[in-house]
Each structure stands twice: as structure tokens, then as C-alpha cells.
Amino acid sequence: MSEKNIPLAERMRPKYLSDYIGQNHLLGEGKPLRLMVNHGILPSLIFCGAPGVGKTTLAQVLAREFDMPFYSLSAVHAGVKDVKDLLESLQKQGMFKQKALLFIDEIHRFNKAQQDSLLQAVEKGWITLLGATTENPSFEINKALLSRTQVYHLTPFSSVDLLLMLENALQKDTVLKPRNLQIEDPSHLIALSGGDARRLFNLLEMAVMVLPEDVHVIAKSALQDVLPQLHYDKDGEMHYDIISAFIKSIRGSDVQATVYWLARMISAGESPRFIARRMMISAAEDIGLANANALLMASQAFQTSEVVGFPEARIILAECAIYLAKSPKSNAAYLAINHAMREVEQSGNLPVPLHLRNAPTDMMKNMGYGKGYIYPHDFAGKEINQSYLPENLLNTMFYEEKNNKIT
């Protein structure tokens, strides 16, 4: 295949760690992945981050650095049978002795059964799994698989990283180098890429495609022809930053900003599921018992928007977002459970008071289980003076009432 027929982003994909640009928090001296390479140890990993931040590339680079056979599956198309067939094939080839790297793109799209099909091979060390996801692994990867992997977040590329990538493309790419090209305003191109290396190269390549052969300067105006093609492309940086602005606008009861950031996410191609899930979290964390209906509203928006889909789902999401922004706010439940969790971590498994224990047998009753328990329904008002906490925690306050309507 001619080099010209291979996308620029693929031609510029680094092969070795020395060529890899960015992710210094993982690859810099003394950082986790650098230490793994230096010590020759590669555990199973999950890379999470926005599109275009180098997850697939880094997986391929690590396979080369460790001289491991590289196999790839896409969770969009693969199922349990594909995983099992590949593992059986590797076993027959003796790859379990050599240990191969299995890369699964979009691993969050695997359901529980599909993820479970990987557990034995990962736990036994037959393969090194490297999964890539644009979603939060805590929500989308089951706990059994998470416990057998290490999770690292890849961040959008910085302006310095992207400028270096542009310079490399113009000076080293076999197709672009002979044209002796310069970019009038690299910062403009970098801003349009939004921290996404793939988008950066796609923009550059399309700008070059419309540039006459005798012109050697890529002007700002040359980019205008390619902008419409990328208008609805998902912006990796906004995946994290815009959702943060959206949630903080709800928390701050700013309806106008809430609707604006929602529109930004919808226009960028965020899934209704992602947006609605974050609203459920906001309803529980920031509104809580000040308006307990908020969580019901958010849960219903989650279900309904999935059934309806875009473009009509935008109305459902907007209705819910406005409702949350206008609701009274309380984080009392959020603070209460955090306080209680810290107490459990510090004090451990304190014994259950005898009068609260279950006593299904005569032996347990003779040991005092359940003795002295007072049944609240036998009293007017249903509230009685009876302790329910372990003795060491009597009078401890976890939940403190604020502006909650439910008390």
C-alpha cells in the first residue's frame, strides 16, 4: 500500500517509547510505566482517557518494549466466543509460556460475562491484558477484573506535546517532508485539536489535501474547508472538563450555565447515558434529602433518554438538568456516609450490641441475644429511648441536618 493511502495519524504512530510524546506523569523518569519498563515487569493494565490521547499507541509500544506478541480485539465487535477462541489459540501456539499482550479496545463495552471470560487468563498470568476505555472504569469495569489490573488515566496532550507532533509530521513524515510545508499559526491548529493527537493529524492532513502543490504555507483560511467535517466529532478534552463545568453549574444552582454546558456536551456527541448517569450522581450528592424527588427524576431521565435516544433525548436531559439546578441543595447524606466510612475504617468490626442481635435459636436466646430489645411499634410516636450504635460510638453524630426537607 502506498504511504499516501495510509492516514497521517497512522504514519506518525510511534513504535518505541523513545518516540512517544506526552503522558509524562506515567512515562517520565521515576513514573509508574517507566519504572515497569526499566524493571522488565508489565502487569495487566487498563488505560482510561479521552479519544486520541494515545491509549492504543502506548499499548503497542509497550508490547514492543517487552518483546511480547501483540493481539487485539475490539469490544465493539467481539464476544465471549471470540475471547475464548483467541485464548485457546494462544494456548495451542504455546503463547501462554511466552506470554502475549492482549489489547482490548473499548473494553467498557464488554458486559459482565464477557469481562469474566478474561479473569482466569489474567489471574493465572497466561496473558497480559491491556484494556482501553473512554469511560470511568469504576462504573464500567466489574470489580473482579479491576482487582486484577492497574488503572492509569491518560490525559489530553498539552500544547507543547501537540506542537512537537506537528513539527515531527512536517519534518519526518515521508509524504509531507518533500513539500517543505510551514504552518502560519500552529496555535490555531492546536486549539482546534482539543488535546486529541488523532484530530490534530486529521486536521493537518485535510488542510494539506486542499493546499495547491506550489503553496508551502498552511494558512488559517485553509482550515475552514475541513472544520465542518469535524464539527460533530467528540472532543476528548470536553469529555472531562465540560462535564465538570456542567455538574458544578448544577451544584451552584445556575440554570443558564447548566443548559449551556449540556448543549456543549450534546453537540460534541456525548451519549445520553453518560450525561444522565452524572445527573443521578449529582442528585444524590448535591441535592440529596433537600429534594429527594431529584434522584427519582434523574433515574427516570436515565431510563427514558436511553429509550428515546437523540435528538428528542435532549429535551428529557434538559428538563432534568433544569430541575436539578433549581432544586434546593444539601450534601448532608454525602457527608454522613463519608464520615461513617472513615469511622468503620478506623474502629473496625465493633460488636453488635446484644439487644440488637438476631436470636433464631434457644442457645442464642440463652446467651442474651435480643434480650432487652424494645419494639418501637408498641409505643405511640414509634420513637423510644433505645441505643442502636456499638457502645464505643454512642452519641456519635454522622448525619447533621442542614436545609433538608426530609428529617
Protein backbone atom coordinates (compact mmCIF):
# COMPACT_ATOMS: atom_id res chain seq x y z
CA MET A 1 0.00 0.00 0.00
CA SER A 2 1.29 3.45 -0.91
CA GLU A 3 2.29 5.68 2.01
CA LYS A 4 -0.14 8.30 0.74
CA ASN A 5 -3.03 5.88 1.26
CA ILE A 6 -2.16 5.40 4.93
CA PRO A 7 -3.67 8.11 7.20
CA LEU A 8 -1.14 10.58 8.61
CA ALA A 9 -2.17 9.68 12.17
CA GLU A 10 -1.20 6.07 11.47
CA ARG A 11 2.04 7.01 9.74
CA MET A 12 3.04 9.13 12.74
CA ARG A 13 2.20 6.48 15.34
CA PRO A 14 5.40 5.96 17.40
CA LYS A 15 6.86 2.47 17.56
CA TYR A 16 9.11 2.78 20.60
CA LEU A 17 8.99 4.55 23.93
CA SER A 18 11.79 6.90 22.88
CA ASP A 19 9.49 8.24 20.13
CA TYR A 20 6.40 8.58 22.34
CA ILE A 21 5.37 12.14 23.16
CA GLY A 22 3.38 13.13 26.25
CA GLN A 23 1.90 11.35 29.29
CA ASN A 24 4.92 12.36 31.36
CA HIS A 25 3.01 11.61 34.57
CA LEU A 26 3.24 7.94 33.54
CA LEU A 27 6.33 7.80 31.34
CA GLY A 28 8.69 10.36 32.88
CA GLU A 29 11.72 9.28 34.90
CA GLY A 30 10.62 7.59 38.10
CA LYS A 31 7.00 7.38 36.94
CA PRO A 32 4.94 4.13 37.00
CA LEU A 33 5.13 2.91 33.39
CA ARG A 34 8.75 4.00 33.02
CA LEU A 35 9.64 2.01 36.14
CA MET A 36 7.81 -1.04 34.76
CA VAL A 37 9.84 -0.87 31.55
CA ASN A 38 13.11 -0.33 33.44
CA HIS A 39 12.44 -3.33 35.69
CA GLY A 40 11.05 -5.56 32.93
CA ILE A 41 7.71 -6.09 34.69
CA LEU A 42 4.39 -5.47 32.92
CA PRO A 43 1.19 -6.29 34.87
CA SER A 44 -2.28 -6.21 33.34
CA LEU A 45 -3.37 -2.61 32.86
CA ILE A 46 -6.39 -0.52 31.95
CA PHE A 47 -5.84 2.82 30.24
CA CYS A 48 -8.70 5.27 30.56
CA GLY A 49 -8.89 8.62 28.84
CA ALA A 50 -10.48 10.63 26.08
CA PRO A 51 -10.20 9.62 22.41
CA GLY A 52 -6.90 10.47 20.74
CA VAL A 53 -4.69 10.51 23.85
CA GLY A 54 -2.56 7.55 22.77
CA LYS A 55 -4.05 4.54 24.56
CA THR A 56 -3.76 2.13 21.63
CA THR A 57 -0.37 3.50 20.63
CA LEU A 58 1.02 3.11 24.14
CA ALA A 59 -0.22 -0.49 24.26
CA GLN A 60 1.61 -1.29 21.02
CA VAL A 61 4.74 0.49 22.22
CA LEU A 62 4.76 -1.49 25.47
CA ALA A 63 4.38 -4.76 23.54
CA ARG A 64 7.49 -3.86 21.51
CA GLU A 65 9.46 -2.72 24.56
CA PHE A 66 8.75 -6.05 26.28
CA ASP A 67 9.12 -8.04 23.03
CA MET A 68 5.66 -9.55 23.51
CA PRO A 69 3.35 -10.87 20.77
CA PHE A 70 0.52 -8.36 20.36
CA TYR A 71 -3.09 -9.41 19.85
CA SER A 72 -6.01 -7.03 19.59
CA LEU A 73 -9.77 -7.30 19.99
CA SER A 74 -12.40 -4.59 19.74
CA ALA A 75 -15.12 -4.87 22.37
CA VAL A 76 -17.48 -3.29 19.84
CA HIS A 77 -17.43 -6.44 17.71
CA ALA A 78 -16.01 -9.25 19.89
CA GLY A 79 -17.98 -11.51 22.22
CA VAL A 80 -17.27 -14.25 24.75
CA LYS A 81 -16.67 -16.78 21.97
CA ASP A 82 -14.06 -14.53 20.33
CA VAL A 83 -12.20 -14.17 23.63
CA LYS A 84 -12.28 -17.91 24.34
CA ASP A 85 -11.25 -18.80 20.77
CA LEU A 86 -8.28 -16.43 20.98
CA LEU A 87 -7.17 -17.77 24.38
CA GLU A 88 -7.43 -21.36 23.13
CA SER A 89 -5.44 -20.42 20.03
CA LEU A 90 -2.70 -18.82 22.15
CA GLN A 91 -2.56 -21.90 24.36
CA LYS A 92 -2.19 -24.21 21.35
CA GLN A 93 0.57 -22.00 19.95
CA GLY A 94 2.41 -22.16 23.27
CA MET A 95 1.95 -18.42 23.75
CA PHE A 96 0.99 -18.91 27.40
CA LYS A 97 4.62 -19.83 28.03
CA GLN A 98 5.89 -16.80 26.10
CA LYS A 99 3.06 -14.60 27.41
CA ALA A 100 1.30 -12.40 24.88
CA LEU A 101 -0.21 -8.95 25.32
CA LEU A 102 -3.94 -8.91 24.61
CA PHE A 103 -5.22 -5.42 23.87
CA ILE A 104 -8.99 -4.85 24.10
CA ASP A 105 -10.19 -1.51 22.81
CA GLU A 106 -13.39 -0.02 24.24
CA ILE A 107 -13.31 -2.66 26.99
CA HIS A 108 -16.15 -0.87 28.78
CA ARG A 109 -18.47 -2.20 26.06
CA PHE A 110 -17.92 -5.76 27.30
CA ASN A 111 -20.76 -6.93 29.55
CA LYS A 112 -20.08 -8.81 32.80
CA ALA A 113 -19.99 -12.24 31.14
CA GLN A 114 -17.54 -11.03 28.51
CA GLN A 115 -15.30 -9.43 31.13
CA ASP A 116 -15.49 -12.56 33.30
CA SER A 117 -14.22 -14.65 30.38
CA LEU A 118 -10.86 -12.88 30.81
CA LEU A 119 -10.50 -13.45 34.55
CA GLN A 120 -8.77 -16.83 34.61
CA ALA A 121 -6.22 -15.94 31.92
CA VAL A 122 -5.37 -12.69 33.71
CA GLU A 123 -5.28 -14.21 37.20
CA LYS A 124 -3.11 -17.16 36.12
CA GLY A 125 -0.78 -14.84 34.25
CA TRP A 126 -1.33 -16.59 30.93
CA ILE A 127 -1.70 -13.24 29.20
CA THR A 128 -1.06 -9.59 29.97
CA LEU A 129 -4.32 -7.76 29.45
CA LEU A 130 -4.29 -4.15 28.39
CA GLY A 131 -7.74 -2.60 28.14
CA ALA A 132 -8.57 0.86 26.81
CA THR A 133 -11.68 2.81 27.72
CA THR A 134 -13.04 6.32 27.33
CA GLU A 135 -15.32 5.77 30.32
CA ASN A 136 -14.70 5.72 34.07
CA PRO A 137 -13.52 2.15 34.85
CA SER A 138 -15.15 2.32 38.29
CA PHE A 139 -18.55 2.35 36.57
CA GLU A 140 -17.94 0.22 33.51
CA ILE A 141 -15.42 -2.48 34.54
CA ASN A 142 -16.54 -5.12 37.01
CA LYS A 143 -14.75 -5.29 40.35
CA ALA A 144 -13.32 -8.76 39.76
CA LEU A 145 -11.43 -7.58 36.68
CA LEU A 146 -10.45 -4.25 38.25
CA SER A 147 -8.87 -6.06 41.20
CA ARG A 148 -6.60 -7.94 38.79
CA THR A 149 -5.45 -4.86 36.88
CA GLN A 150 -3.87 -1.49 37.49
CA VAL A 151 -5.72 1.56 36.15
CA TYR A 152 -3.95 4.60 34.68
CA HIS A 153 -5.53 7.77 33.33
CA LEU A 154 -4.12 9.22 30.12
CA THR A 155 -4.66 12.97 29.83
CA PRO A 156 -5.25 15.12 26.72
CA PHE A 157 -1.97 16.17 25.11
CA SER A 158 -0.59 19.57 26.08
CA SER A 159 0.03 22.38 23.58
CA VAL A 160 3.77 21.67 23.84
CA ASP A 161 3.19 17.98 23.05
CA LEU A 162 0.99 18.79 20.06
CA LEU A 163 3.40 21.39 18.68
CA LEU A 164 6.18 18.81 18.78
CA MET A 165 3.92 16.32 16.97
CA LEU A 166 3.22 18.91 14.25
CA GLU A 167 6.91 19.62 13.80
CA ASN A 168 7.69 15.91 13.59
CA ALA A 169 4.99 15.40 10.97
CA LEU A 170 6.26 18.22 8.76
CA GLN A 171 9.94 17.30 9.13
CA LYS A 172 9.87 13.49 9.25
CA ASP A 173 6.76 12.18 7.51
CA THR A 174 7.69 10.69 4.15
CA VAL A 175 4.69 12.29 2.42
CA LEU A 176 4.78 15.77 3.99
CA LYS A 177 8.53 16.33 4.25
CA PRO A 178 9.15 16.70 0.46
CA ARG A 179 6.57 19.51 0.31
CA ASN A 180 8.61 21.73 2.68
CA LEU A 181 5.49 22.92 4.48
CA GLN A 182 5.06 25.53 7.21
CA ILE A 183 2.01 26.38 9.33
CA GLU A 184 1.06 30.04 9.58
CA ASP A 185 -0.41 29.72 13.07
CA PRO A 186 0.27 26.36 14.78
CA SER A 187 -1.56 27.52 17.91
CA HIS A 188 -4.79 27.77 15.92
CA LEU A 189 -4.47 24.20 14.70
CA ILE A 190 -3.57 23.01 18.21
CA ALA A 191 -6.59 24.75 19.71
CA LEU A 192 -8.87 23.08 17.16
CA SER A 193 -7.49 19.65 18.08
CA GLY A 194 -8.62 19.91 21.72
CA GLY A 195 -5.76 17.79 23.06
CA ASP A 196 -6.53 14.95 20.61
CA ALA A 197 -3.48 13.84 18.60
CA ARG A 198 -5.56 11.93 16.06
CA ARG A 199 -7.69 15.01 15.38
CA LEU A 200 -4.57 17.14 15.08
CA PHE A 201 -3.15 14.90 12.35
CA ASN A 202 -6.53 14.62 10.61
CA LEU A 203 -6.87 18.40 10.51
CA LEU A 204 -3.35 18.82 9.20
CA GLU A 205 -3.78 16.13 6.58
CA MET A 206 -7.07 17.57 5.28
CA ALA A 207 -5.61 21.06 5.19
CA VAL A 208 -2.71 19.75 3.10
CA MET A 209 -5.10 17.92 0.78
CA VAL A 210 -6.76 21.19 -0.27
CA LEU A 211 -3.44 23.06 -0.49
CA PRO A 212 -2.07 23.59 -4.04
CA GLU A 213 1.23 21.83 -4.70
CA ASP A 214 3.08 25.12 -5.25
CA VAL A 215 1.92 26.61 -1.91
CA HIS A 216 4.10 25.84 1.12
CA VAL A 217 2.34 27.76 3.90
CA ILE A 218 -0.81 26.41 5.56
CA ALA A 219 -2.85 29.50 6.36
CA LYS A 220 -5.71 29.76 8.82
CA SER A 221 -8.13 30.09 5.94
CA ALA A 222 -7.03 26.69 4.61
CA LEU A 223 -8.51 25.06 7.70
CA GLN A 224 -12.00 26.42 7.14
CA ASP A 225 -12.75 23.81 4.47
CA VAL A 226 -12.17 20.94 6.91
CA LEU A 227 -13.91 22.35 10.01
CA PRO A 228 -17.45 21.22 9.05
CA GLN A 229 -16.24 17.65 8.78
CA LEU A 230 -15.09 17.70 12.40
CA HIS A 231 -17.91 19.74 13.92
CA TYR A 232 -19.64 16.74 15.43
CA ASP A 233 -16.50 14.83 16.34
CA LYS A 234 -16.35 14.08 20.05
CA ASP A 235 -13.95 16.42 21.87
CA GLY A 236 -11.74 14.41 24.19
CA GLU A 237 -10.97 17.32 26.50
CA MET A 238 -14.61 18.32 26.91
CA HIS A 239 -15.42 14.76 27.94
CA TYR A 240 -13.85 15.59 31.30
CA ASP A 241 -13.76 19.37 31.57
CA ILE A 242 -17.25 20.16 30.26
CA ILE A 243 -18.95 17.54 32.42
CA SER A 244 -17.15 19.09 35.39
CA ALA A 245 -18.47 22.55 34.47
CA PHE A 246 -21.96 21.08 34.00
CA ILE A 247 -22.07 19.42 37.43
CA LYS A 248 -20.62 22.48 39.17
CA SER A 249 -23.25 24.68 37.48
CA ILE A 250 -26.00 22.40 38.82
CA ARG A 251 -24.39 22.49 42.27
CA GLY A 252 -24.26 26.28 42.09
CA SER A 253 -27.94 26.49 41.01
CA ASP A 254 -27.01 28.38 37.81
CA VAL A 255 -29.72 27.29 35.37
CA GLN A 256 -28.38 29.23 32.38
CA ALA A 257 -24.87 27.77 32.67
CA THR A 258 -26.33 24.30 33.25
CA VAL A 259 -28.26 24.42 29.98
CA TYR A 260 -25.27 25.85 28.10
CA TRP A 261 -22.85 23.11 29.21
CA LEU A 262 -25.49 20.48 28.49
CA ALA A 263 -25.79 21.84 24.95
CA ARG A 264 -22.00 21.71 24.57
CA MET A 265 -21.95 18.03 25.51
CA ILE A 266 -24.85 17.12 23.25
CA SER A 267 -23.29 18.99 20.32
CA ALA A 268 -19.97 17.23 20.93
CA GLY A 269 -21.62 13.80 20.68
CA GLU A 270 -21.68 12.73 24.33
CA SER A 271 -24.04 9.80 24.92
CA PRO A 272 -27.27 10.49 26.81
CA ARG A 273 -26.32 7.64 29.13
CA PHE A 274 -23.10 9.37 30.21
CA ILE A 275 -24.86 12.69 30.86
CA ALA A 276 -27.83 11.15 32.68
CA ARG A 277 -25.60 8.99 34.88
CA ARG A 278 -23.70 12.07 36.03
CA MET A 279 -27.01 13.79 36.83
CA MET A 280 -28.00 10.83 39.04
CA ILE A 281 -24.76 11.26 40.98
CA SER A 282 -25.37 15.00 41.28
CA ALA A 283 -28.92 14.41 42.51
CA ALA A 284 -27.66 12.17 45.29
CA GLU A 285 -24.51 14.10 46.22
CA ASP A 286 -25.53 17.74 45.87
CA ILE A 287 -29.32 17.79 46.30
CA GLY A 288 -29.93 14.77 48.49
CA LEU A 289 -32.69 14.99 51.06
CA ALA A 290 -33.29 18.67 50.38
CA ASN A 291 -35.38 17.32 47.49
CA ALA A 292 -35.50 13.53 47.48
CA ASN A 293 -37.51 13.59 44.24
CA ALA A 294 -34.41 14.81 42.39
CA LEU A 295 -32.88 11.33 42.38
CA LEU A 296 -36.16 9.87 41.09
CA MET A 297 -36.21 12.50 38.35
CA ALA A 298 -32.60 11.76 37.36
CA SER A 299 -33.16 7.99 37.38
CA GLN A 300 -36.21 8.38 35.16
CA ALA A 301 -34.27 10.67 32.82
CA PHE A 302 -31.58 8.00 32.55
CA GLN A 303 -34.07 5.31 31.54
CA THR A 304 -36.20 7.48 29.29
CA SER A 305 -33.33 9.11 27.39
CA GLU A 306 -31.91 5.66 26.59
CA VAL A 307 -35.25 4.50 25.20
CA VAL A 308 -35.94 7.68 23.22
CA GLY A 309 -32.40 8.48 22.02
CA PHE A 310 -31.24 11.66 20.33
CA PRO A 311 -32.41 14.11 19.12
CA GLU A 312 -35.53 14.00 21.38
CA ALA A 313 -33.50 12.89 24.41
CA ARG A 314 -32.06 16.42 24.56
CA ILE A 315 -35.45 17.62 25.86
CA ILE A 316 -35.55 14.99 28.60
CA LEU A 317 -31.99 15.74 29.66
CA ALA A 318 -32.64 19.49 29.66
CA GLU A 319 -35.80 19.11 31.76
CA CYS A 320 -33.93 17.04 34.33
CA ALA A 321 -30.87 19.32 34.37
CA ILE A 322 -33.01 22.43 34.93
CA TYR A 323 -34.93 20.67 37.70
CA LEU A 324 -31.68 19.73 39.46
CA ALA A 325 -30.23 23.22 39.11
CA LYS A 326 -33.39 24.80 40.57
CA SER A 327 -33.67 22.31 43.44
CA PRO A 328 -32.57 23.19 46.98
CA LYS A 329 -29.18 21.73 47.77
CA SER A 330 -27.89 19.56 50.61
CA ASN A 331 -24.82 17.33 50.81
CA ALA A 332 -25.70 16.05 54.30
CA ALA A 333 -26.17 12.43 53.16
CA TYR A 334 -22.91 12.58 51.20
CA LEU A 335 -21.03 13.87 54.26
CA ALA A 336 -22.76 11.39 56.57
CA ILE A 337 -21.77 8.25 54.66
CA ASN A 338 -18.21 9.55 54.21
CA HIS A 339 -17.96 10.18 57.96
CA ALA A 340 -19.36 6.73 58.74
CA MET A 341 -17.00 5.03 56.27
CA ARG A 342 -14.00 6.73 57.87
CA GLU A 343 -15.21 5.58 61.31
CA VAL A 344 -15.56 1.96 60.10
CA GLU A 345 -12.05 2.11 58.65
CA GLN A 346 -10.65 3.37 61.96
CA SER A 347 -12.63 1.33 64.51
CA GLY A 348 -13.06 -1.88 62.50
CA ASN A 349 -15.69 -4.53 63.24
CA LEU A 350 -17.20 -3.34 66.50
CA PRO A 351 -19.55 -5.94 68.05
CA VAL A 352 -23.29 -5.59 67.55
CA PRO A 353 -24.98 -4.81 70.89
CA LEU A 354 -26.63 -7.92 72.34
CA HIS A 355 -30.14 -6.47 72.36
CA LEU A 356 -29.91 -5.84 68.58
CA ARG A 357 -28.70 -9.30 67.63
CA ASN A 358 -30.84 -11.86 65.88
CA ALA A 359 -31.86 -14.79 68.11
CA PRO A 360 -33.34 -17.61 65.98
CA THR A 361 -32.28 -20.43 68.39
CA ASP A 362 -32.75 -21.14 72.11
CA MET A 363 -29.00 -21.23 72.58
CA MET A 364 -28.67 -17.68 71.23
CA LYS A 365 -31.51 -16.51 73.47
CA ASN A 366 -29.77 -18.06 76.47
CA MET A 367 -26.63 -16.14 75.50
CA GLY A 368 -28.59 -12.91 75.74
CA TYR A 369 -29.09 -12.30 72.04
CA GLY A 370 -32.03 -9.94 71.55
CA LYS A 371 -32.61 -9.54 75.30
CA GLY A 372 -33.93 -6.13 76.23
CA TYR A 373 -34.84 -5.08 72.71
CA ILE A 374 -37.84 -2.72 72.70
CA TYR A 375 -40.22 -2.92 69.72
CA PRO A 376 -40.92 0.71 68.63
CA HIS A 377 -44.32 -0.06 67.10
CA ASP A 378 -45.65 -0.87 70.56
CA PHE A 379 -45.32 2.79 71.52
CA ALA A 380 -47.08 5.95 70.41
CA GLY A 381 -44.91 8.02 68.10
CA LYS A 382 -42.76 4.93 67.35
CA GLU A 383 -39.69 6.62 68.84
CA ILE A 384 -38.24 5.32 72.11
CA ASN A 385 -35.08 5.82 74.12
CA GLN A 386 -33.03 2.87 72.89
CA SER A 387 -29.42 2.72 71.70
CA TYR A 388 -28.62 1.28 68.27
CA LEU A 389 -24.90 2.04 67.87
CA PRO A 390 -21.98 -0.01 69.22
CA GLU A 391 -21.11 1.03 72.78
CA ASN A 392 -17.89 2.77 71.70
CA LEU A 393 -19.82 5.01 69.31
CA LEU A 394 -22.75 6.06 71.48
CA ASN A 395 -23.76 9.69 70.79
CA THR A 396 -21.58 9.86 67.65
CA MET A 397 -23.11 12.15 65.00
CA PHE A 398 -22.64 11.05 61.39
CA TYR A 399 -25.62 12.82 59.81
CA GLU A 400 -26.09 16.50 60.56
CA GLU A 401 -29.27 18.16 59.43
CA LYS A 402 -28.94 21.14 57.12
CA ASN A 403 -31.63 22.58 54.86
CA ASN A 404 -33.21 19.15 54.30
CA LYS A 405 -36.93 18.86 53.81
CA ILE A 406 -36.90 15.24 55.00
CA THR A 407 -35.74 14.95 58.62
